[in-house]
């Protein structure tokens, strides 16, 4: 693996990860703006923006775009996160130039045809409806609302029905002109790619522009107690209930070792058939089919933990009790810990395994935390070393540091 970065004088960052054994290349073009910047009365604006990028450019009609992607790109998509909007494609490495040209075209030259905007509004509203019909999504949204007040984590990025209906073409054009500038843009290529060649292609399609941008900053609110600690939502025509528990963790952990310890804690507590939650709730009592949980983070905004159980209405109270107990009891079984550590060391030994998503995720993590991107080259070897040195005693200390019942929010979605 060879990682290189060119930082243009106008702020554009061009990053490549060269993997000589690959026959494919992943190309991504991202703006450092996302749903966190949605106006309150137009929530869903940047999600809508992302959808409209594929509807036509100054050079390509909608039909041209469809024909080009079918012929040249193996997989293409876009995603809106709170602080980024990304467009990416994977192609055979010999078509890097074509892929780069296409992504730069939709990024810089989309025309957002009004007729297409009105048509695309309906699928976005259906996407929101699908999410609102998903009980797990509903539970997590309620946890968000009760954990965060001003941080963008308080809402999902998909938007609201009212917000999406309010978005107009002028809103999208205004935000494109403001944010799709070099100072807010990151170009990434991963796979069989030559750095100098990729830089030439990006420079060809994205000219110098010294326009500046101003980003907002948010506090992670990890010290703020929840608005409510328990919420019950009743839904008609349901044959099961969902119990979900969540809480915040400080975003700035000050030390990578704590991230490693949290990962070990997740494995012991909630991940897989060897976890405490699985054994206590499903294996011993048969109270659930799906049991799980994980620590998560959103770039530069927040870290959190959530656990979920799908159960029957008659067992909701017992499952809530077992969840609370699983969070509060100390971990003392050295054998369980050694199993988790060995499996985790194996994963770190495999490392990136040429997974484009792993590389991109770590690149963005380092960008958002103002760490040198080149540091990711040693990420897994350092992580493996940390795993070899941590102890169960340290894992238990992390549990005590971050797991406090007064900070938990429990949401139950149950049959009406």
Protein backbone atom coordinates (compact mmCIF):
# COMPACT_ATOMS: atom_id res chain seq x y z
CA UNK A 1 0.00 0.00 0.00
CA UNK A 2 1.26 3.48 -0.89
CA UNK A 3 -0.69 6.51 0.36
CA UNK A 4 -0.05 9.96 -1.14
CA UNK A 5 -1.70 13.36 -0.82
CA UNK A 6 -1.53 16.57 -2.82
CA UNK A 7 -2.91 19.67 -1.12
CA UNK A 8 -3.62 22.37 -3.68
CA UNK A 9 -3.12 26.02 -2.77
CA UNK A 10 -6.88 26.65 -3.08
CA UNK A 11 -7.61 23.96 -0.45
CA UNK A 12 -8.54 20.99 -2.67
CA UNK A 13 -7.21 17.74 -1.21
CA UNK A 14 -6.30 14.91 -3.60
CA UNK A 15 -5.58 11.57 -1.91
CA UNK A 16 -4.65 8.21 -3.39
CA UNK A 17 -4.10 4.77 -1.92
CA UNK A 18 -2.22 2.66 -4.45
CA UNK A 19 -2.88 -1.09 -4.23
CA UNK A 20 -0.88 -2.81 -6.96
CA UNK A 21 -2.66 -6.15 -6.58
CA UNK A 22 -6.04 -4.60 -7.43
CA UNK A 23 -7.63 -4.55 -10.88
CA UNK A 24 -10.26 -2.01 -9.86
CA UNK A 25 -10.22 1.60 -8.75
CA UNK A 26 -12.57 3.41 -6.37
CA UNK A 27 -12.98 7.13 -7.11
CA UNK A 28 -14.75 9.49 -4.69
CA UNK A 29 -15.50 13.18 -4.89
CA UNK A 30 -16.87 14.73 -1.69
CA UNK A 31 -17.97 18.11 -0.42
CA UNK A 32 -17.35 18.77 3.26
CA UNK A 33 -20.97 19.66 3.90
CA UNK A 34 -24.04 17.58 4.61
CA UNK A 35 -27.34 17.27 6.43
CA UNK A 36 -26.01 19.13 9.49
CA UNK A 37 -26.30 22.26 7.34
CA UNK A 38 -29.94 21.72 6.37
CA UNK A 39 -32.10 24.77 7.18
CA UNK A 40 -34.57 23.88 9.93
CA UNK A 41 -37.54 24.44 7.60
CA UNK A 42 -35.94 22.44 4.75
CA UNK A 43 -34.55 19.38 6.46
CA UNK A 44 -33.57 16.95 3.74
CA UNK A 45 -32.10 19.64 1.45
CA UNK A 46 -28.65 18.04 1.12
CA UNK A 47 -30.17 14.58 0.76
CA UNK A 48 -32.27 15.98 -2.10
CA UNK A 49 -29.16 17.65 -3.52
CA UNK A 50 -27.34 14.30 -3.64
CA UNK A 51 -30.25 12.63 -5.48
CA UNK A 52 -30.34 15.35 -8.12
CA UNK A 53 -26.67 15.06 -9.11
CA UNK A 54 -27.45 12.20 -11.51
CA UNK A 55 -30.27 13.94 -13.40
CA UNK A 56 -28.26 15.81 -16.02
CA UNK A 57 -25.27 18.11 -16.50
CA UNK A 58 -24.24 20.80 -18.98
CA UNK A 59 -22.54 18.05 -21.01
CA UNK A 60 -24.77 15.03 -20.39
CA UNK A 61 -28.49 14.42 -20.47
CA UNK A 62 -30.13 12.00 -18.06
CA UNK A 63 -30.06 9.37 -20.83
CA UNK A 64 -26.37 10.05 -21.45
CA UNK A 65 -25.61 9.58 -17.75
CA UNK A 66 -27.48 6.29 -17.63
CA UNK A 67 -25.73 5.02 -20.76
CA UNK A 68 -22.30 6.08 -19.53
CA UNK A 69 -22.62 4.46 -16.13
CA UNK A 70 -24.00 1.22 -17.57
CA UNK A 71 -21.08 1.00 -19.98
CA UNK A 72 -18.17 2.20 -17.85
CA UNK A 73 -18.79 1.98 -14.11
CA UNK A 74 -19.20 -1.27 -12.19
CA UNK A 75 -20.94 0.37 -9.25
CA UNK A 76 -21.92 3.96 -8.54
CA UNK A 77 -23.70 5.69 -5.69
CA UNK A 78 -23.84 8.76 -3.48
CA UNK A 79 -24.37 9.27 0.23
CA UNK A 80 -25.25 12.19 2.48
CA UNK A 81 -23.85 12.25 6.00
CA UNK A 82 -24.07 15.11 8.50
CA UNK A 83 -20.76 16.68 7.43
CA UNK A 84 -20.10 15.22 3.98
CA UNK A 85 -21.88 14.62 0.68
CA UNK A 86 -20.04 12.02 -1.40
CA UNK A 87 -20.29 10.71 -4.95
CA UNK A 88 -18.32 7.58 -5.78
CA UNK A 89 -17.83 4.91 -8.40
CA UNK A 90 -15.86 1.69 -8.84
CA UNK A 91 -14.53 0.76 -12.25
CA UNK A 92 -11.84 -1.36 -13.85
CA UNK A 93 -8.56 0.51 -13.32
CA UNK A 94 -8.12 1.24 -17.04
CA UNK A 95 -11.23 3.45 -16.84
CA UNK A 96 -10.04 5.68 -14.00
CA UNK A 97 -9.93 8.73 -16.30
CA UNK A 98 -13.47 8.17 -17.54
CA UNK A 99 -14.77 7.66 -14.00
CA UNK A 100 -12.97 10.75 -12.77
CA UNK A 101 -14.31 12.84 -15.66
CA UNK A 102 -17.86 11.66 -14.98
CA UNK A 103 -17.81 12.32 -11.24
CA UNK A 104 -16.26 15.77 -11.73
CA UNK A 105 -18.96 16.53 -14.29
CA UNK A 106 -21.89 15.71 -11.99
CA UNK A 107 -20.10 17.42 -9.08
CA UNK A 108 -19.39 20.69 -10.90
CA UNK A 109 -21.91 20.89 -13.74
CA UNK A 110 -25.23 19.35 -12.67
CA UNK A 111 -28.16 21.39 -13.97
CA UNK A 112 -30.87 20.07 -11.62
CA UNK A 113 -33.71 20.09 -14.20
CA UNK A 114 -36.93 21.32 -12.60
CA UNK A 115 -39.05 18.53 -14.08
CA UNK A 116 -36.65 15.90 -12.75
CA UNK A 117 -36.64 17.60 -9.35
CA UNK A 118 -40.40 17.26 -9.05
CA UNK A 119 -40.23 13.59 -10.07
CA UNK A 120 -37.39 12.82 -7.66
CA UNK A 121 -39.22 14.45 -4.77
CA UNK A 122 -41.63 11.50 -4.70
CA UNK A 123 -38.99 8.74 -4.28
CA UNK A 124 -37.33 10.75 -1.50
CA UNK A 125 -40.67 11.05 0.31
CA UNK A 126 -41.14 7.29 -0.14
CA UNK A 127 -37.69 6.71 1.34
CA UNK A 128 -38.73 8.73 4.40
CA UNK A 129 -41.98 6.72 4.59
CA UNK A 130 -40.03 3.46 4.43
CA UNK A 131 -37.82 4.60 7.31
CA UNK A 132 -40.83 5.66 9.36
CA UNK A 133 -42.34 2.20 8.88
CA UNK A 134 -39.16 0.60 10.27
CA UNK A 135 -39.50 0.18 14.04
CA UNK A 136 -35.75 0.07 14.56
CA UNK A 137 -35.37 3.39 12.76
CA UNK A 138 -38.22 4.88 14.78
CA UNK A 139 -36.62 3.76 18.06
CA UNK A 140 -33.20 5.15 17.12
CA UNK A 141 -34.73 8.47 16.04
CA UNK A 142 -36.43 8.77 19.42
CA UNK A 143 -33.13 8.03 21.18
CA UNK A 144 -31.48 10.77 19.10
CA UNK A 145 -34.13 13.32 20.07
CA UNK A 146 -33.66 12.60 23.75
CA UNK A 147 -29.86 12.47 23.79
CA UNK A 148 -28.99 15.57 21.76
CA UNK A 149 -30.51 19.07 21.73
CA UNK A 150 -28.46 21.17 19.29
CA UNK A 151 -25.91 18.74 17.90
CA UNK A 152 -26.91 17.53 14.39
CA UNK A 153 -27.03 14.00 15.77
CA UNK A 154 -30.47 14.88 17.15
CA UNK A 155 -32.03 14.03 13.76
CA UNK A 156 -31.25 11.72 10.85
CA UNK A 157 -30.05 13.19 7.57
CA UNK A 158 -32.85 11.90 5.36
CA UNK A 159 -35.06 14.86 6.14
CA UNK A 160 -38.71 15.34 6.98
CA UNK A 161 -41.77 15.23 4.76
CA UNK A 162 -42.35 18.96 5.30
CA UNK A 163 -38.71 19.80 4.70
CA UNK A 164 -38.40 17.83 1.46
CA UNK A 165 -41.65 19.31 0.14
CA UNK A 166 -40.27 22.80 0.77
CA UNK A 167 -37.00 22.33 -1.17
CA UNK A 168 -36.83 24.25 -4.45
CA UNK A 169 -34.33 24.17 -7.31
CA UNK A 170 -32.95 27.57 -6.26
CA UNK A 171 -32.01 26.11 -2.86
CA UNK A 172 -29.97 23.33 -4.46
CA UNK A 173 -28.22 25.65 -6.93
CA UNK A 174 -27.36 28.08 -4.13
CA UNK A 175 -25.78 25.36 -1.96
CA UNK A 176 -23.87 23.85 -4.91
CA UNK A 177 -22.37 27.24 -5.76
CA UNK A 178 -21.42 27.79 -2.12
CA UNK A 179 -19.96 24.39 -1.26
CA UNK A 180 -18.79 22.67 -4.44
CA UNK A 181 -15.57 24.66 -4.47
CA UNK A 182 -11.99 23.38 -4.03
CA UNK A 183 -11.67 24.61 -0.42
CA UNK A 184 -14.50 22.25 0.59
CA UNK A 185 -13.65 19.36 -1.75
CA UNK A 186 -11.77 16.09 -1.25
CA UNK A 187 -10.93 13.77 -4.16
CA UNK A 188 -9.95 10.18 -3.32
CA UNK A 189 -8.82 7.25 -5.47
CA UNK A 190 -8.14 3.79 -4.03
CA UNK A 191 -6.93 0.72 -5.92
CA UNK A 192 -4.70 0.36 -8.96
CA UNK A 193 -4.01 4.06 -9.40
CA UNK A 194 -1.05 6.33 -10.09
CA UNK A 195 -1.07 9.42 -7.87
CA UNK A 196 0.39 11.83 -10.43
CA UNK A 197 -2.08 10.68 -13.09
CA UNK A 198 -5.05 11.12 -10.72
CA UNK A 199 -3.86 14.58 -9.72
CA UNK A 200 -3.64 15.56 -13.41
CA UNK A 201 -7.20 14.36 -14.03
CA UNK A 202 -8.62 16.23 -11.04
CA UNK A 203 -6.72 19.40 -11.95
CA UNK A 204 -8.04 19.13 -15.51
CA UNK A 205 -11.67 19.04 -14.39
CA UNK A 206 -11.65 21.19 -11.24
CA UNK A 207 -9.91 24.51 -11.97
CA UNK A 208 -8.25 26.67 -9.33
CA UNK A 209 -10.74 28.73 -7.33
CA UNK A 210 -9.73 30.63 -4.19
CA UNK A 211 -13.27 31.03 -2.86
CA UNK A 212 -13.30 30.21 0.86
CA UNK A 213 -15.90 28.45 3.01
CA UNK A 214 -16.78 28.69 6.68
CA UNK A 215 -17.67 25.55 8.59
CA UNK A 216 -19.80 25.36 11.71
CA UNK A 217 -18.70 23.59 14.88
CA UNK A 218 -20.80 21.74 17.42
CA UNK A 219 -20.18 20.40 20.90
CA UNK A 220 -20.82 16.69 21.44
CA UNK A 221 -23.17 17.32 24.44
CA UNK A 222 -21.87 14.18 26.16
CA UNK A 223 -22.28 15.78 29.60
CA UNK A 224 -25.92 16.78 28.99
CA UNK A 225 -28.41 14.40 30.58
CA UNK A 226 -31.24 12.96 28.44
CA UNK A 227 -34.54 14.82 28.15
CA UNK A 228 -36.39 11.57 28.91
CA UNK A 229 -35.00 8.25 30.01
CA UNK A 230 -37.84 6.02 28.85
CA UNK A 231 -40.23 6.37 25.94
CA UNK A 232 -42.90 3.93 24.76
CA UNK A 233 -44.18 4.16 21.18
CA UNK A 234 -47.20 2.08 20.22
CA UNK A 235 -47.65 0.90 16.63
CA UNK A 236 -50.62 -0.92 15.11
CA UNK A 237 -50.46 -4.34 13.49
CA UNK A 238 -47.19 -5.44 15.08
CA UNK A 239 -46.35 -8.98 16.19
CA UNK A 240 -43.22 -8.08 18.14
CA UNK A 241 -41.65 -5.29 20.16
CA UNK A 242 -38.26 -3.59 19.98
CA UNK A 243 -36.35 -2.48 23.04
CA UNK A 244 -33.47 -0.11 22.32
CA UNK A 245 -31.07 1.52 24.76
CA UNK A 246 -28.59 4.27 23.93
CA UNK A 247 -26.24 6.78 25.51
CA UNK A 248 -23.49 9.24 24.54
CA UNK A 249 -19.73 8.95 24.91
CA UNK A 250 -17.26 11.86 24.67
CA UNK A 251 -16.11 12.35 21.08
CA UNK A 252 -12.59 13.28 22.10
CA UNK A 253 -11.20 10.16 23.74
CA UNK A 254 -7.72 11.73 23.88
CA UNK A 255 -6.09 8.38 23.23
CA UNK A 256 -6.47 5.61 20.65
CA UNK A 257 -6.15 2.98 23.39
CA UNK A 258 -9.62 3.94 24.65
CA UNK A 259 -11.07 3.22 21.20
CA UNK A 260 -9.44 -0.20 21.33
CA UNK A 261 -10.87 -0.85 24.81
CA UNK A 262 -14.36 0.22 23.70
CA UNK A 263 -14.17 -2.22 20.80
CA UNK A 264 -13.27 -5.06 23.19
CA UNK A 265 -16.11 -4.01 25.48
CA UNK A 266 -18.56 -4.06 22.56
CA UNK A 267 -17.52 -7.62 21.69
CA UNK A 268 -17.96 -8.79 25.27
CA UNK A 269 -21.26 -7.03 25.80
CA UNK A 270 -23.29 -7.04 22.62
CA UNK A 271 -21.61 -8.45 19.51
CA UNK A 272 -22.25 -12.02 18.44
CA UNK A 273 -23.37 -15.26 20.04
CA UNK A 274 -20.63 -15.15 22.67
CA UNK A 275 -21.69 -11.77 24.03
CA UNK A 276 -23.30 -11.20 27.42
CA UNK A 277 -26.54 -9.86 25.91
CA UNK A 278 -26.94 -12.82 23.56
CA UNK A 279 -26.29 -15.38 26.28
CA UNK A 280 -28.56 -13.78 28.88
CA UNK A 281 -31.48 -12.74 26.67
CA UNK A 282 -31.59 -15.28 23.85
CA UNK A 283 -29.55 -18.33 24.80
CA UNK A 284 -30.65 -18.72 28.45
CA UNK A 285 -34.22 -17.45 28.19
CA UNK A 286 -35.26 -17.45 24.54
CA UNK A 287 -36.71 -13.95 24.90
CA UNK A 288 -35.45 -12.67 21.54
CA UNK A 289 -34.49 -13.45 17.97
CA UNK A 290 -32.31 -10.42 17.18
CA UNK A 291 -29.96 -9.17 19.92
CA UNK A 292 -27.05 -6.82 19.39
CA UNK A 293 -25.44 -3.47 19.82
CA UNK A 294 -22.36 -1.42 19.01
CA UNK A 295 -20.39 1.71 19.63
CA UNK A 296 -20.69 4.22 16.82
CA UNK A 297 -19.45 7.65 15.89
CA UNK A 298 -20.25 10.40 13.45
CA UNK A 299 -17.30 12.36 12.14
CA UNK A 300 -16.40 15.27 14.46
CA UNK A 301 -19.87 15.24 16.06
CA UNK A 302 -20.39 12.48 18.62
CA UNK A 303 -19.74 8.97 19.82
CA UNK A 304 -22.49 6.77 21.20
CA UNK A 305 -23.50 3.25 22.15
CA UNK A 306 -26.79 1.54 21.37
CA UNK A 307 -28.19 -1.90 22.10
CA UNK A 308 -31.35 -3.47 20.69
CA UNK A 309 -33.51 -6.49 21.28
CA UNK A 310 -36.48 -7.76 19.25
CA UNK A 311 -38.84 -9.49 21.66
CA UNK A 312 -42.49 -10.24 22.34
CA UNK A 313 -44.76 -7.79 24.15
CA UNK A 314 -45.04 -10.11 27.16
CA UNK A 315 -41.27 -10.05 27.71
CA UNK A 316 -40.59 -6.31 27.30
CA UNK A 317 -40.24 -5.59 31.03
CA UNK A 318 -37.91 -8.55 31.59
CA UNK A 319 -35.79 -7.61 28.58
CA UNK A 320 -35.48 -4.01 29.81
CA UNK A 321 -34.30 -5.32 33.19
CA UNK A 322 -31.79 -7.69 31.56
CA UNK A 323 -30.42 -4.89 29.37
CA UNK A 324 -29.85 -2.63 32.36
CA UNK A 325 -28.23 -5.52 34.23
CA UNK A 326 -25.96 -6.33 31.28
CA UNK A 327 -24.72 -2.73 31.26
CA UNK A 328 -24.13 -2.49 35.01
CA UNK A 329 -22.48 -5.79 35.96
CA UNK A 330 -18.64 -5.90 35.92
CA UNK A 331 -16.72 -8.07 33.46
CA UNK A 332 -14.53 -10.57 35.30
CA UNK A 333 -14.26 -13.63 33.03
CA UNK A 334 -10.69 -13.70 31.69
CA UNK A 335 -11.46 -16.59 29.34
CA UNK A 336 -14.20 -14.62 27.55
CA UNK A 337 -11.85 -11.65 27.24
CA UNK A 338 -9.03 -13.75 25.77
CA UNK A 339 -11.42 -15.15 23.15
CA UNK A 340 -12.47 -11.62 22.18
CA UNK A 341 -8.90 -10.38 22.08
CA UNK A 342 -7.66 -13.26 19.93
CA UNK A 343 -10.45 -12.77 17.40
CA UNK A 344 -9.82 -9.02 17.35
CA UNK A 345 -6.08 -9.54 16.80
CA UNK A 346 -6.92 -11.82 13.85
CA UNK A 347 -9.07 -9.06 12.34
CA UNK A 348 -6.29 -6.52 12.82
CA UNK A 349 -3.82 -8.95 11.22
CA UNK A 350 -6.03 -9.15 8.12
CA UNK A 351 -6.16 -5.34 8.21
CA UNK A 352 -7.67 -3.51 5.26
CA UNK A 353 -7.83 -6.69 3.18
CA UNK A 354 -8.00 -4.35 0.16
CA UNK A 355 -11.45 -3.17 1.26
CA UNK A 356 -12.03 0.25 -0.34
CA UNK A 357 -14.57 1.23 2.31
CA UNK A 358 -12.12 0.65 5.16
CA UNK A 359 -9.55 2.92 3.56
CA UNK A 360 -12.08 5.68 2.79
CA UNK A 361 -13.54 5.55 6.30
CA UNK A 362 -10.14 5.97 7.95
CA UNK A 363 -9.16 8.75 5.54
CA UNK A 364 -12.27 10.68 6.55
CA UNK A 365 -11.74 9.99 10.23
CA UNK A 366 -8.25 11.49 10.03
CA UNK A 367 -9.44 14.47 8.00
CA UNK A 368 -12.23 15.25 10.46
CA UNK A 369 -9.88 15.01 13.45
CA UNK A 370 -7.11 17.01 11.76
CA UNK A 371 -4.67 14.11 11.84
CA UNK A 372 -2.27 13.41 8.96
CA UNK A 373 -3.92 11.13 6.42
CA UNK A 374 -0.63 9.24 5.97
CA UNK A 375 -1.06 7.86 9.51
CA UNK A 376 -3.64 5.33 8.30
CA UNK A 377 -0.87 3.29 6.67
CA UNK A 378 0.15 2.06 10.13
CA UNK A 379 -3.36 1.96 11.61
CA UNK A 380 -3.87 -1.81 11.85
CA UNK A 381 -0.32 -2.64 12.93
CA UNK A 382 -0.64 -0.10 15.77
CA UNK A 383 -4.11 -1.39 16.61
CA UNK A 384 -2.81 -4.94 16.76
CA UNK A 385 -0.06 -3.86 19.15
CA UNK A 386 -2.63 -2.14 21.37
CA UNK A 387 -4.82 -5.25 21.45
CA UNK A 388 -1.88 -7.36 22.53
CA UNK A 389 -1.23 -5.10 25.51
CA UNK A 390 -4.71 -4.27 26.89
CA UNK A 391 -6.20 -6.12 29.87
CA UNK A 392 -9.68 -7.04 31.08
CA UNK A 393 -9.08 -4.74 34.03
CA UNK A 394 -8.71 -1.80 31.60
CA UNK A 395 -11.87 -2.83 29.72
CA UNK A 396 -13.82 -2.89 32.97
CA UNK A 397 -12.43 0.56 33.87
CA UNK A 398 -13.79 1.91 30.56
CA UNK A 399 -17.21 0.42 31.33
CA UNK A 400 -17.23 2.18 34.69
CA UNK A 401 -16.09 5.44 33.11
CA UNK A 402 -18.80 5.64 30.45
CA UNK A 403 -21.74 3.44 31.53
CA UNK A 404 -23.97 5.47 33.87
CA UNK A 405 -27.69 4.58 34.17
CA UNK A 406 -28.75 8.22 34.53
CA UNK A 407 -27.41 8.79 30.99
CA UNK A 408 -29.29 5.89 29.38
CA UNK A 409 -32.33 6.35 27.16
CA UNK A 410 -34.58 3.33 26.62
CA UNK A 411 -37.16 3.30 23.82
CA UNK A 412 -39.78 0.58 23.44
CA UNK A 413 -41.72 0.22 20.20
CA UNK A 414 -44.56 -2.20 20.88
CA UNK A 415 -47.89 -3.36 19.44
CA UNK A 416 -50.86 -1.10 20.06
